[in-house]
Structures are given as C-alpha cells and as structure tokens.
PDB file of N, CA and C in Angstrom:
ATOM      1  N   MET A   1      -5.088   9.134  -2.956  1.00  0.00           N
ATOM      2  CA  MET A   1      -4.982  10.225  -2.156  1.00  0.00           C
ATOM      3  C   MET A   1      -3.599  10.599  -1.990  1.00  0.00           C
ATOM      4  N   ILE A   2      -2.673   9.734  -2.133  1.00  0.00           N
ATOM      5  CA  ILE A   2      -1.540  10.021  -1.999  1.00  0.00           C
ATOM      6  C   ILE A   2      -1.049  10.526  -3.040  1.00  0.00           C
ATOM      7  N   ILE A   3      -1.289  10.618  -4.351  1.00  0.00           N
ATOM      8  CA  ILE A   3      -0.907  11.277  -5.614  1.00  0.00           C
ATOM      9  C   ILE A   3      -1.390  12.563  -5.483  1.00  0.00           C
ATOM     10  N   ASN A   4      -2.459  12.874  -5.033  1.00  0.00           N
ATOM     11  CA  ASN A   4      -3.053  14.174  -4.706  1.00  0.00           C
ATOM     12  C   ASN A   4      -2.044  15.100  -3.430  1.00  0.00           C
ATOM     13  N   LYS A   5      -2.110  14.415  -2.379  1.00  0.00           N
ATOM     14  CA  LYS A   5      -1.227  14.931  -1.705  1.00  0.00           C
ATOM     15  C   LYS A   5       0.191  15.513  -1.989  1.00  0.00           C
ATOM     16  N   ALA A   6       0.962  14.543  -2.772  1.00  0.00           N
ATOM     17  CA  ALA A   6       2.432  14.657  -2.881  1.00  0.00           C
ATOM     18  C   ALA A   6       2.100  16.030  -4.134  1.00  0.00           C
ATOM     19  N   THR A   7       1.015  15.985  -5.177  1.00  0.00           N
ATOM     20  CA  THR A   7       0.793  16.851  -5.847  1.00  0.00           C
ATOM     21  C   THR A   7       0.365  18.278  -5.212  1.00  0.00           C
ATOM     22  N   ILE A   8      -0.369  18.136  -4.436  1.00  0.00           N
ATOM     23  CA  ILE A   8      -0.608  19.420  -3.668  1.00  0.00           C
ATOM     24  C   ILE A   8       1.010  20.258  -2.850  1.00  0.00           C
ATOM     25  N   THR A   9       1.191  18.938  -2.354  1.00  0.00           N
ATOM     26  CA  THR A   9       2.959  19.349  -1.618  1.00  0.00           C
ATOM     27  C   THR A   9       3.879  19.993  -2.602  1.00  0.00           C
ATOM     28  N   LEU A  10       4.152  19.549  -3.846  1.00  0.00           N
ATOM     29  CA  LEU A  10       4.985  20.324  -4.876  1.00  0.00           C
ATOM     30  C   LEU A  10       4.469  21.613  -5.522  1.00  0.00           C
ATOM     31  N   GLY A  11       3.024  21.525  -5.636  1.00  0.00           N
ATOM     32  CA  GLY A  11       2.656  23.042  -5.769  1.00  0.00           C
ATOM     33  C   GLY A  11       2.835  23.949  -4.910  1.00  0.00           C
ATOM     34  N   ILE A  12       2.614  23.845  -3.549  1.00  0.00           N
ATOM     35  CA  ILE A  12       2.988  24.453  -2.524  1.00  0.00           C
ATOM     36  C   ILE A  12       4.587  25.122  -2.258  1.00  0.00           C
ATOM     37  N   ILE A  13       5.204  24.004  -2.275  1.00  0.00           N
ATOM     38  CA  ILE A  13       6.615  24.179  -2.453  1.00  0.00           C
ATOM     39  C   ILE A  13       6.703  25.243  -4.017  1.00  0.00           C
ATOM     40  N   ALA A  14       6.667  24.866  -4.813  1.00  0.00           N
ATOM     41  CA  ALA A  14       7.014  25.560  -6.058  1.00  0.00           C
ATOM     42  C   ALA A  14       6.376  26.842  -5.894  1.00  0.00           C
ATOM     43  N   GLY A  15       4.595  26.991  -5.671  1.00  0.00           N
ATOM     44  CA  GLY A  15       4.768  28.702  -5.498  1.00  0.00           C
ATOM     45  C   GLY A  15       5.827  29.417  -4.306  1.00  0.00           C
ATOM     46  N   THR A  16       6.155  28.691  -3.371  1.00  0.00           N
ATOM     47  CA  THR A  16       6.766  29.467  -2.008  1.00  0.00           C
ATOM     48  C   THR A  16       7.805  29.831  -2.790  1.00  0.00           C
ATOM     49  N   ALA A  17       8.569  28.773  -3.410  1.00  0.00           N
ATOM     50  CA  ALA A  17       9.827  28.951  -3.894  1.00  0.00           C
ATOM     51  C   ALA A  17       9.708  30.485  -4.935  1.00  0.00           C
ATOM     52  N   ILE A  18       8.503  30.447  -6.066  1.00  0.00           N
ATOM     53  CA  ILE A  18       8.470  31.289  -6.825  1.00  0.00           C
ATOM     54  C   ILE A  18       8.188  33.179  -6.037  1.00  0.00           C
ATOM     55  N   GLY A  19       7.121  32.522  -5.484  1.00  0.00           N
ATOM     56  CA  GLY A  19       7.033  33.860  -4.620  1.00  0.00           C
ATOM     57  C   GLY A  19       8.274  34.297  -3.922  1.00  0.00           C
ATOM     58  N   ALA A  20       8.755  33.320  -3.000  1.00  0.00           N
ATOM     59  CA  ALA A  20       9.875  34.434  -2.225  1.00  0.00           C
ATOM     60  C   ALA A  20      11.096  34.463  -3.032  1.00  0.00           C
ATOM     61  N   THR A  21      11.318  34.000  -4.390  1.00  0.00           N
ATOM     62  CA  THR A  21      12.271  34.428  -5.250  1.00  0.00           C
ATOM     63  C   THR A  21      11.944  35.922  -5.827  1.00  0.00           C
ATOM     64  N   ILE A  22      10.717  36.214  -6.031  1.00  0.00           N
ATOM     65  CA  ILE A  22      10.078  37.299  -6.561  1.00  0.00           C
ATOM     66  C   ILE A  22       9.907  38.138  -5.423  1.00  0.00           C
ATOM     67  N   GLY A  23       9.547  38.088  -4.462  1.00  0.00           N
ATOM     68  CA  GLY A  23       9.920  38.880  -3.491  1.00  0.00           C
ATOM     69  C   GLY A  23      11.352  39.299  -2.836  1.00  0.00           C
ATOM     70  N   VAL A  24      12.112  38.868  -3.019  1.00  0.00           N
ATOM     71  CA  VAL A  24      13.598  38.802  -2.121  1.00  0.00           C
ATOM     72  C   VAL A  24      14.282  39.801  -3.553  1.00  0.00           C
ATOM     73  N   LEU A  25      14.057  39.202  -4.656  1.00  0.00           N
ATOM     74  CA  LEU A  25      14.492  40.396  -5.890  1.00  0.00           C
ATOM     75  C   LEU A  25      14.143  41.399  -6.230  1.00  0.00           C
ATOM     76  N   LEU A  26      12.504  41.698  -5.806  1.00  0.00           N
ATOM     77  CA  LEU A  26      12.351  43.033  -6.020  1.00  0.00           C
ATOM     78  C   LEU A  26      12.359  43.809  -4.859  1.00  0.00           C
ATOM     79  N   ALA A  27      13.094  43.374  -3.684  1.00  0.00           N
ATOM     80  CA  ALA A  27      13.121  44.025  -2.237  1.00  0.00           C
ATOM     81  C   ALA A  27      14.445  44.859  -2.713  1.00  0.00           C
ATOM     82  N   PRO A  28      14.214  46.316  -2.265  1.00  0.00           N
ATOM     83  CA  PRO A  28      15.310  46.984  -2.290  1.00  0.00           C
ATOM     84  C   PRO A  28      16.543  46.657  -0.962  1.00  0.00           C
ATOM     85  N   GLU A  29      16.695  45.932  -1.041  1.00  0.00           N
ATOM     86  CA  GLU A  29      18.309  45.563  -0.234  1.00  0.00           C
ATOM     87  C   GLU A  29      19.885  45.228  -0.972  1.00  0.00           C
ATOM     88  N   LYS A  30      20.603  45.039  -0.172  1.00  0.00           N
ATOM     89  CA  LYS A  30      21.946  44.855  -0.858  1.00  0.00           C
ATOM     90  C   LYS A  30      22.119  43.610  -1.127  1.00  0.00           C
ATOM     91  N   GLY A  31      22.971  43.434  -2.034  1.00  0.00           N
ATOM     92  CA  GLY A  31      23.046  42.061  -2.454  1.00  0.00           C
ATOM     93  C   GLY A  31      23.437  40.562  -1.599  1.00  0.00           C
ATOM     94  N   SER A  32      24.069  41.313  -0.868  1.00  0.00           N
ATOM     95  CA  SER A  32      24.539  40.182   0.331  1.00  0.00           C
ATOM     96  C   SER A  32      23.510  39.807   1.178  1.00  0.00           C
ATOM     97  N   ALA A  33      22.368  41.170   1.496  1.00  0.00           N
ATOM     98  CA  ALA A  33      21.190  40.785   2.151  1.00  0.00           C
ATOM     99  C   ALA A  33      20.221  39.607   1.436  1.00  0.00           C
ATOM    100  N   THR A  34      20.117  39.911  -0.018  1.00  0.00           N
ATOM    101  CA  THR A  34      19.058  39.581  -0.851  1.00  0.00           C
ATOM    102  C   THR A  34      19.628  37.909  -1.008  1.00  0.00           C
ATOM    103  N   ARG A  35      21.296  37.590  -1.096  1.00  0.00           N
ATOM    104  CA  ARG A  35      21.694  36.336  -0.899  1.00  0.00           C
ATOM    105  C   ARG A  35      21.403  35.430  -0.031  1.00  0.00           C
ATOM    106  N   ASP A  36      21.382  36.364   1.191  1.00  0.00           N
ATOM    107  CA  ASP A  36      21.201  35.698   2.732  1.00  0.00           C
ATOM    108  C   ASP A  36      19.806  35.011   2.626  1.00  0.00           C
ATOM    109  N   LYS A  37      18.921  36.193   2.238  1.00  0.00           N
ATOM    110  CA  LYS A  37      17.528  35.809   2.141  1.00  0.00           C
ATOM    111  C   LYS A  37      17.188  34.560   1.508  1.00  0.00           C
ATOM    112  N   LEU A  38      17.866  34.856   0.120  1.00  0.00           N
ATOM    113  CA  LEU A  38      17.595  33.353  -0.823  1.00  0.00           C
ATOM    114  C   LEU A  38      18.022  32.197  -0.219  1.00  0.00           C
ATOM    115  N   LYS A  39      19.043  32.025   0.428  1.00  0.00           N
ATOM    116  CA  LYS A  39      19.785  31.175   1.127  1.00  0.00           C
ATOM    117  C   LYS A  39      19.017  30.349   2.375  1.00  0.00           C
ATOM    118  N   LYS A  40      18.185  31.395   3.156  1.00  0.00           N
ATOM    119  CA  LYS A  40      17.319  30.988   3.936  1.00  0.00           C
ATOM    120  C   LYS A  40      16.114  30.473   3.455  1.00  0.00           C
ATOM    121  N   GLU A  41      15.694  30.810   2.588  1.00  0.00           N
ATOM    122  CA  GLU A  41      14.503  30.572   1.589  1.00  0.00           C
ATOM    123  C   GLU A  41      14.674  28.846   1.159  1.00  0.00           C
ATOM    124  N   ALA A  42      15.661  29.163   0.470  1.00  0.00           N
ATOM    125  CA  ALA A  42      15.877  27.502   0.107  1.00  0.00           C
ATOM    126  C   ALA A  42      16.291  26.455   0.990  1.00  0.00           C
ATOM    127  N   THR A  43      16.777  26.736   2.108  1.00  0.00           N
ATOM    128  CA  THR A  43      16.493  25.942   3.339  1.00  0.00           C
ATOM    129  C   THR A  43      15.560  25.585   3.728  1.00  0.00           C
ATOM    130  N   THR A  44      14.502  26.676   3.981  1.00  0.00           N
ATOM    131  CA  THR A  44      13.153  26.327   4.285  1.00  0.00           C
ATOM    132  C   THR A  44      12.412  25.569   3.284  1.00  0.00           C
ATOM    133  N   ILE A  45      12.426  25.608   1.810  1.00  0.00           N
ATOM    134  CA  ILE A  45      11.731  25.302   0.802  1.00  0.00           C
ATOM    135  C   ILE A  45      12.591  23.591   0.908  1.00  0.00           C
ATOM    136  N   LYS A  46      14.043  23.633   1.226  1.00  0.00           N
ATOM    137  CA  LYS A  46      14.192  22.134   1.436  1.00  0.00           C
ATOM    138  C   LYS A  46      13.730  21.614   2.348  1.00  0.00           C
ATOM    139  N   ASP A  47      13.876  21.772   3.647  1.00  0.00           N
ATOM    140  CA  ASP A  47      13.541  21.287   4.625  1.00  0.00           C
ATOM    141  C   ASP A  47      11.831  20.657   4.621  1.00  0.00           C
ATOM    142  N   GLN A  48      11.408  21.568   4.239  1.00  0.00           N
ATOM    143  CA  GLN A  48       9.600  21.521   4.069  1.00  0.00           C
ATOM    144  C   GLN A  48       9.458  20.288   2.885  1.00  0.00           C
ATOM    145  N   PHE A  49      10.439  20.171   1.959  1.00  0.00           N
ATOM    146  CA  PHE A  49      10.193  19.292   0.654  1.00  0.00           C
ATOM    147  C   PHE A  49      10.492  18.130   1.727  1.00  0.00           C
ATOM    148  N   VAL A  50      11.751  17.807   2.189  1.00  0.00           N
ATOM    149  CA  VAL A  50      12.242  16.660   2.854  1.00  0.00           C
ATOM    150  C   VAL A  50      11.169  16.193   3.708  1.00  0.00           C
ATOM    151  N   SER A  51      10.495  17.162   4.636  1.00  0.00           N
ATOM    152  CA  SER A  51       9.415  16.669   5.535  1.00  0.00           C
ATOM    153  C   SER A  51       8.250  15.765   4.616  1.00  0.00           C
ATOM    154  N   ASP A  52       7.890  16.682   3.652  1.00  0.00           N
ATOM    155  CA  ASP A  52       6.729  16.238   2.801  1.00  0.00           C
ATOM    156  C   ASP A  52       7.099  14.826   2.184  1.00  0.00           C
ATOM    157  N   ALA A  53       8.395  14.838   1.613  1.00  0.00           N
ATOM    158  CA  ALA A  53       8.691  13.594   0.901  1.00  0.00           C
ATOM    159  C   ALA A  53       8.767  12.511   2.061  1.00  0.00           C
ATOM    160  N   LYS A  54       8.823  12.797   3.326  1.00  0.00           N
ATOM    161  CA  LYS A  54       9.108  11.455   4.291  1.00  0.00           C
ATOM    162  C   LYS A  54       7.957  11.295   4.266  1.00  0.00           C
ATOM    163  N   GLU A  55       6.801  12.099   4.504  1.00  0.00           N
ATOM    164  CA  GLU A  55       5.154  12.178   4.981  1.00  0.00           C
ATOM    165  C   GLU A  55       4.914  10.864   3.979  1.00  0.00           C
ATOM    166  N   VAL A  56       4.716  11.320   2.699  1.00  0.00           N
ATOM    167  CA  VAL A  56       4.217  10.533   1.366  1.00  0.00           C
ATOM    168  C   VAL A  56       5.128   9.310   1.463  1.00  0.00           C
ATOM    169  N   LYS A  57       6.430   8.932   1.695  1.00  0.00           N
ATOM    170  CA  LYS A  57       7.001   7.968   1.780  1.00  0.00           C
ATOM    171  C   LYS A  57       6.415   6.890   2.957  1.00  0.00           C
ATOM    172  N   ASP A  58       5.966   7.613   4.134  1.00  0.00           N
ATOM    173  CA  ASP A  58       5.351   7.310   5.482  1.00  0.00           C
ATOM    174  C   ASP A  58       3.927   6.712   4.894  1.00  0.00           C
ATOM    175  N   ASP A  59       3.267   7.646   3.979  1.00  0.00           N
ATOM    176  CA  ASP A  59       1.906   6.983   3.706  1.00  0.00           C
ATOM    177  C   ASP A  59       2.117   5.916   2.836  1.00  0.00           C
ATOM    178  N   LEU A  60       3.372   5.921   1.912  1.00  0.00           N
ATOM    179  CA  LEU A  60       3.104   4.765   0.945  1.00  0.00           C
ATOM    180  C   LEU A  60       3.159   3.335   1.626  1.00  0.00           C
ATOM    181  N   SER A  61       4.163   3.525   2.600  1.00  0.00           N
ATOM    182  CA  SER A  61       4.845   2.339   3.597  1.00  0.00           C
ATOM    183  C   SER A  61       3.567   2.034   4.608  1.00  0.00           C
ATOM    184  N   LYS A  62       2.360   2.826   4.821  1.00  0.00           N
ATOM    185  CA  LYS A  62       1.575   2.302   5.327  1.00  0.00           C
ATOM    186  C   LYS A  62       0.743   1.850   4.816  1.00  0.00           C
ATOM    187  N   THR A  63       0.264   2.232   3.325  1.00  0.00           N
ATOM    188  CA  THR A  63      -0.397   1.594   2.089  1.00  0.00           C
ATOM    189  C   THR A  63       0.165   0.248   1.977  1.00  0.00           C
ATOM    190  N   ALA A  64       0.945   0.086   1.897  1.00  0.00           N
ATOM    191  CA  ALA A  64       1.933  -1.505   1.653  1.00  0.00           C
ATOM    192  C   ALA A  64       1.478  -2.150   2.420  1.00  0.00           C
ATOM    193  N   THR A  65       1.756  -1.948   3.859  1.00  0.00           N
ATOM    194  CA  THR A  65       1.920  -2.740   5.081  1.00  0.00           C
ATOM    195  C   THR A  65       0.265  -3.521   5.124  1.00  0.00           C
ATOM    196  N   SER A  66      -0.782  -1.985   4.802  1.00  0.00           N
ATOM    197  CA  SER A  66      -2.206  -2.168   4.712  1.00  0.00           C
ATOM    198  C   SER A  66      -2.256  -3.357   3.931  1.00  0.00           C
ATOM    199  N   GLY A  67      -1.946  -3.336   2.819  1.00  0.00           N
ATOM    200  CA  GLY A  67      -2.146  -4.336   1.879  1.00  0.00           C
ATOM    201  C   GLY A  67      -1.652  -5.599   1.863  1.00  0.00           C
ATOM    202  N   LYS A  68      -0.746  -5.749   2.287  1.00  0.00           N
ATOM    203  CA  LYS A  68       0.131  -7.069   3.001  1.00  0.00           C
ATOM    204  C   LYS A  68      -0.884  -7.712   3.818  1.00  0.00           C
ATOM    205  N   GLU A  69      -1.635  -6.690   4.962  1.00  0.00           N
ATOM    206  CA  GLU A  69      -2.293  -7.104   5.835  1.00  0.00           C
ATOM    207  C   GLU A  69      -4.021  -8.178   5.253  1.00  0.00           C
ATOM    208  N   VAL A  70      -3.969  -7.269   4.378  1.00  0.00           N
ATOM    209  CA  VAL A  70      -5.445  -7.274   3.648  1.00  0.00           C
ATOM    210  C   VAL A  70      -5.127  -8.941   2.754  1.00  0.00           C
ATOM    211  N   ILE A  71      -3.983  -9.047   2.115  1.00  0.00           N
ATOM    212  CA  ILE A  71      -3.742 -10.159   1.290  1.00  0.00           C
ATOM    213  C   ILE A  71      -3.499 -11.229   2.356  1.00  0.00           C
ATOM    214  N   LYS A  72      -2.909 -11.046   3.532  1.00  0.00           N
ATOM    215  CA  LYS A  72      -2.831 -12.343   4.608  1.00  0.00           C
ATOM    216  C   LYS A  72      -4.155 -12.639   4.844  1.00  0.00           C
ATOM    217  N   LYS A  73      -4.773 -11.622   5.065  1.00  0.00           N
ATOM    218  CA  LYS A  73      -6.513 -12.065   5.544  1.00  0.00           C
ATOM    219  C   LYS A  73      -7.108 -12.902   4.398  1.00  0.00           C
ATOM    220  N   GLU A  74      -7.218 -12.500   3.210  1.00  0.00           N
ATOM    221  CA  GLU A  74      -7.587 -12.870   2.569  1.00  0.00           C
ATOM    222  C   GLU A  74      -7.223 -14.344   1.925  1.00  0.00           C
ATOM    223  N   PHE A  75      -5.985 -14.591   2.004  1.00  0.00           N
ATOM    224  CA  PHE A  75      -5.673 -16.027   2.044  1.00  0.00           C
ATOM    225  C   PHE A  75      -5.664 -16.847   2.936  1.00  0.00           C
ATOM    226  N   VAL A  76      -5.674 -16.387   4.347  1.00  0.00           N
ATOM    227  CA  VAL A  76      -6.656 -17.253   4.949  1.00  0.00           C
ATOM    228  C   VAL A  76      -7.741 -17.914   5.060  1.00  0.00           C
ATOM    229  N   ASN A  77      -8.830 -17.048   4.036  1.00  0.00           N
ATOM    230  CA  ASN A  77     -10.042 -17.039   4.043  1.00  0.00           C
ATOM    231  C   ASN A  77     -10.189 -18.136   3.051  1.00  0.00           C
ATOM    232  N   VAL A  78      -9.277 -17.772   2.005  1.00  0.00           N
ATOM    233  CA  VAL A  78      -9.446 -19.056   0.887  1.00  0.00           C
ATOM    234  C   VAL A  78      -8.620 -20.126   1.193  1.00  0.00           C
ATOM    235  N   ALA A  79      -7.623 -20.165   2.289  1.00  0.00           N
ATOM    236  CA  ALA A  79      -7.673 -21.357   2.605  1.00  0.00           C
ATOM    237  C   ALA A  79      -8.448 -22.203   3.183  1.00  0.00           C
ATOM    238  N   THR A  80      -9.407 -21.461   4.003  1.00  0.00           N
ATOM    239  CA  THR A  80     -10.190 -21.827   5.279  1.00  0.00           C
ATOM    240  C   THR A  80     -11.397 -22.620   4.001  1.00  0.00           C
ATOM    241  N   LYS A  81     -11.862 -21.868   3.159  1.00  0.00           N
ATOM    242  CA  LYS A  81     -12.877 -22.316   2.474  1.00  0.00           C
ATOM    243  C   LYS A  81     -12.304 -23.634   1.470  1.00  0.00           C
ATOM    244  N   ALA A  82     -11.363 -23.568   1.197  1.00  0.00           N
ATOM    245  CA  ALA A  82     -10.264 -24.875   0.442  1.00  0.00           C
ATOM    246  C   ALA A  82     -10.541 -26.113   1.488  1.00  0.00           C
ATOM    247  N   SER A  83     -10.352 -25.469   2.821  1.00  0.00           N
ATOM    248  CA  SER A  83     -10.082 -26.859   3.491  1.00  0.00           C
ATOM    249  C   SER A  83     -11.625 -27.335   3.635  1.00  0.00           C
ATOM    250  N   HIS A  84     -12.435 -26.728   4.003  1.00  0.00           N
ATOM    251  CA  HIS A  84     -13.730 -26.925   4.108  1.00  0.00           C
ATOM    252  C   HIS A  84     -14.344 -27.991   2.477  1.00  0.00           C
ATOM    253  N   LYS A  85     -14.125 -27.128   1.640  1.00  0.00           N
ATOM    254  CA  LYS A  85     -14.054 -27.934   0.382  1.00  0.00           C
ATOM    255  C   LYS A  85     -13.619 -29.365  -0.062  1.00  0.00           C
ATOM    256  N   THR A  86     -12.453 -29.349   0.704  1.00  0.00           N
ATOM    257  CA  THR A  86     -11.680 -30.389   0.579  1.00  0.00           C
ATOM    258  C   THR A  86     -12.160 -31.370   1.593  1.00  0.00           C
ATOM    259  N   ASP A  87     -12.866 -30.715   2.608  1.00  0.00           N
ATOM    260  CA  ASP A  87     -13.444 -31.852   3.694  1.00  0.00           C
ATOM    261  C   ASP A  87     -14.582 -32.167   2.983  1.00  0.00           C
ATOM    262  N   ASP A  88     -15.390 -31.702   2.147  1.00  0.00           N
ATOM    263  CA  ASP A  88     -16.789 -32.026   1.584  1.00  0.00           C
ATOM    264  C   ASP A  88     -16.290 -33.016   0.462  1.00  0.00           C
ATOM    265  N   VAL A  89     -15.489 -33.278  -0.196  1.00  0.00           N
ATOM    266  CA  VAL A  89     -14.766 -33.880  -1.008  1.00  0.00           C
ATOM    267  C   VAL A  89     -14.481 -35.302  -0.271  1.00  0.00           C
ATOM    268  N   ILE A  90     -14.093 -35.300   0.604  1.00  0.00           N
ATOM    269  CA  ILE A  90     -13.603 -36.496   1.261  1.00  0.00           C
ATOM    270  C   ILE A  90     -14.546 -37.088   1.857  1.00  0.00           C
ATOM    271  N   THR A  91     -15.756 -36.525   2.506  1.00  0.00           N
ATOM    272  CA  THR A  91     -16.765 -36.966   2.862  1.00  0.00           C
ATOM    273  C   THR A  91     -17.305 -37.790   1.534  1.00  0.00           C
ATOM    274  N   PHE A  92     -17.518 -36.947   0.529  1.00  0.00           N
ATOM    275  CA  PHE A  92     -18.366 -37.669  -0.675  1.00  0.00           C
ATOM    276  C   PHE A  92     -17.523 -38.795  -1.033  1.00  0.00           C
ATOM    277  N   LEU A  93     -16.001 -38.917  -1.255  1.00  0.00           N
ATOM    278  CA  LEU A  93     -15.239 -39.692  -1.463  1.00  0.00           C
ATOM    279  C   LEU A  93     -15.536 -41.272  -0.746  1.00  0.00           C
ATOM    280  N   GLU A  94     -15.637 -40.837   0.576  1.00  0.00           N
ATOM    281  CA  GLU A  94     -16.022 -41.790   1.508  1.00  0.00           C
ATOM    282  C   GLU A  94     -16.809 -42.717   1.613  1.00  0.00           C
ATOM    283  N   LYS A  95     -18.006 -41.796   0.924  1.00  0.00           N
ATOM    284  CA  LYS A  95     -19.493 -42.562   1.050  1.00  0.00           C
ATOM    285  C   LYS A  95     -19.472 -43.362  -0.630  1.00  0.00           C
ATOM    286  N   GLN A  96     -18.688 -42.732  -1.550  1.00  0.00           N
ATOM    287  CA  GLN A  96     -18.764 -43.785  -2.651  1.00  0.00           C
ATOM    288  C   GLN A  96     -17.928 -44.808  -2.383  1.00  0.00           C
ATOM    289  N   LEU A  97     -16.807 -44.782  -1.361  1.00  0.00           N
ATOM    290  CA  LEU A  97     -16.281 -45.763  -1.577  1.00  0.00           C
ATOM    291  C   LEU A  97     -17.161 -47.203  -0.597  1.00  0.00           C
ATOM    292  N   ALA A  98     -17.922 -46.351   0.435  1.00  0.00           N
ATOM    293  CA  ALA A  98     -18.732 -47.224   1.288  1.00  0.00           C
ATOM    294  C   ALA A  98     -19.568 -48.377   0.351  1.00  0.00           C
ATOM    295  N   ILE A  99     -19.960 -47.384  -0.682  1.00  0.00           N
ATOM    296  CA  ILE A  99     -20.830 -48.114  -1.664  1.00  0.00           C
ATOM    297  C   ILE A  99     -20.156 -49.041  -2.493  1.00  0.00           C
ATOM    298  N   LEU A 100     -18.907 -48.833  -2.973  1.00  0.00           N
ATOM    299  CA  LEU A 100     -18.277 -49.646  -3.803  1.00  0.00           C
ATOM    300  C   LEU A 100     -17.887 -50.976  -2.911  1.00  0.00           C
ATOM    301  N   LYS A 101     -17.744 -50.613  -1.460  1.00  0.00           N
ATOM    302  CA  LYS A 101     -17.239 -51.881  -0.644  1.00  0.00           C
ATOM    303  C   LYS A 101     -18.486 -52.873  -0.415  1.00  0.00           C
ATOM    304  N   ALA A 102     -19.915 -51.920  -0.472  1.00  0.00           N
ATOM    305  CA  ALA A 102     -20.573 -53.091  -0.231  1.00  0.00           C
ATOM    306  C   ALA A 102     -21.023 -53.471  -1.192  1.00  0.00           C
ATOM    307  N   LYS A 103     -20.922 -52.934  -2.639  1.00  0.00           N
ATOM    308  CA  LYS A 103     -21.208 -53.808  -3.592  1.00  0.00           C
ATOM    309  C   LYS A 103     -20.147 -54.956  -3.981  1.00  0.00           C
ATOM    310  N   ASN A 104     -18.980 -54.736  -3.583  1.00  0.00           N
ATOM    311  CA  ASN A 104     -18.186 -55.898  -3.805  1.00  0.00           C
ATOM    312  C   ASN A 104     -18.304 -57.095  -2.796  1.00  0.00           C
ATOM    313  N   LYS A 105     -18.646 -56.525  -1.908  1.00  0.00           N
ATOM    314  CA  LYS A 105     -18.989 -57.495  -1.012  1.00  0.00           C
ATOM    315  C   LYS A 105     -20.128 -58.545  -1.146  1.00  0.00           C
ATOM    316  N   SER A 106     -21.277 -57.833  -1.835  1.00  0.00           N
ATOM    317  CA  SER A 106     -22.145 -58.422  -2.672  1.00  0.00           C
ATOM    318  C   SER A 106     -21.679 -59.466  -3.622  1.00  0.00           C
ATOM    319  N   LEU A 107     -20.830 -58.815  -4.468  1.00  0.00           N
ATOM    320  CA  LEU A 107     -20.197 -59.602  -5.502  1.00  0.00           C
ATOM    321  C   LEU A 107     -19.355 -61.111  -5.020  1.00  0.00           C
ATOM    322  N   GLN A 108     -18.729 -60.904  -3.617  1.00  0.00           N
ATOM    323  CA  GLN A 108     -18.071 -61.955  -3.219  1.00  0.00           C
ATOM    324  C   GLN A 108     -18.899 -62.666  -2.351  1.00  0.00           C
ATOM    325  N   LYS A 109     -20.296 -62.658  -2.168  1.00  0.00           N
ATOM    326  CA  LYS A 109     -20.861 -63.388  -1.719  1.00  0.00           C
ATOM    327  C   LYS A 109     -21.839 -64.635  -2.615  1.00  0.00           C
ATOM    328  N   THR A 110     -21.405 -64.271  -3.794  1.00  0.00           N
ATOM    329  CA  THR A 110     -22.263 -64.924  -4.959  1.00  0.00           C
ATOM    330  C   THR A 110     -21.392 -66.116  -5.375  1.00  0.00           C
ATOM    331  N   SER A 111     -20.095 -65.397  -5.439  1.00  0.00           N
ATOM    332  CA  SER A 111     -19.188 -66.450  -6.212  1.00  0.00           C
ATOM    333  C   SER A 111     -18.835 -67.633  -5.369  1.00  0.00           C
TER     334      SER A 111
END
C-alpha cells in the first residue's frame, strides 16, 4: 500500500508540474508574469511533495512500529510456550529421577 501511495503521489506531482508548465508556457502573458507563475507553481509542487513525502515517512514509521509490536508479541508467545515445554521436561525428568531413586534404594537393601 505504501508503494502504491508513493507512486500515485509522484504521478500526481509529475502530472501537475507538466500541466502547469504547459499551461503557463502557452499563456499569452509577459515573461515576468510567466516566471512568477512558474515560481508559484514550483513552490506549490515542492510543498505538496514535501507533505506527501512526510506522509509516506510517517506510514513507514507506523508500519515499522507495528512490526516491532508484532515481533514483541510473538516473542512473548514463544517464550511462554518454551516455558511450558521446559516445565513439562522438568516434570518428566523428576519422574524419571524418582524411578531411579526407587531402583537405587532396592539395590541398597539387598547389599
């Protein structure tokens, strides 16, 4: 979506610039008036470009922040699952240890 928005914005800016330039150049006015119009149009186009670039930058920043949040949540989920699995392994090992202790006691009685 960001790439499409940037592409559309650049297309609009380019179209505006081309249209304004052609319109000003074909208008029957003095050279100074034409230059003034070109300056105003250039300023407008520059301001629009800066505004659109800021918007795209903000969108990218939001996307990056959103990505960080997703990664943090996934990390918490993975850590939680790993903790539960670790608890299962410890429980299994404790049971096995109890079995070994019982076998060891039985061997100690016969000696």
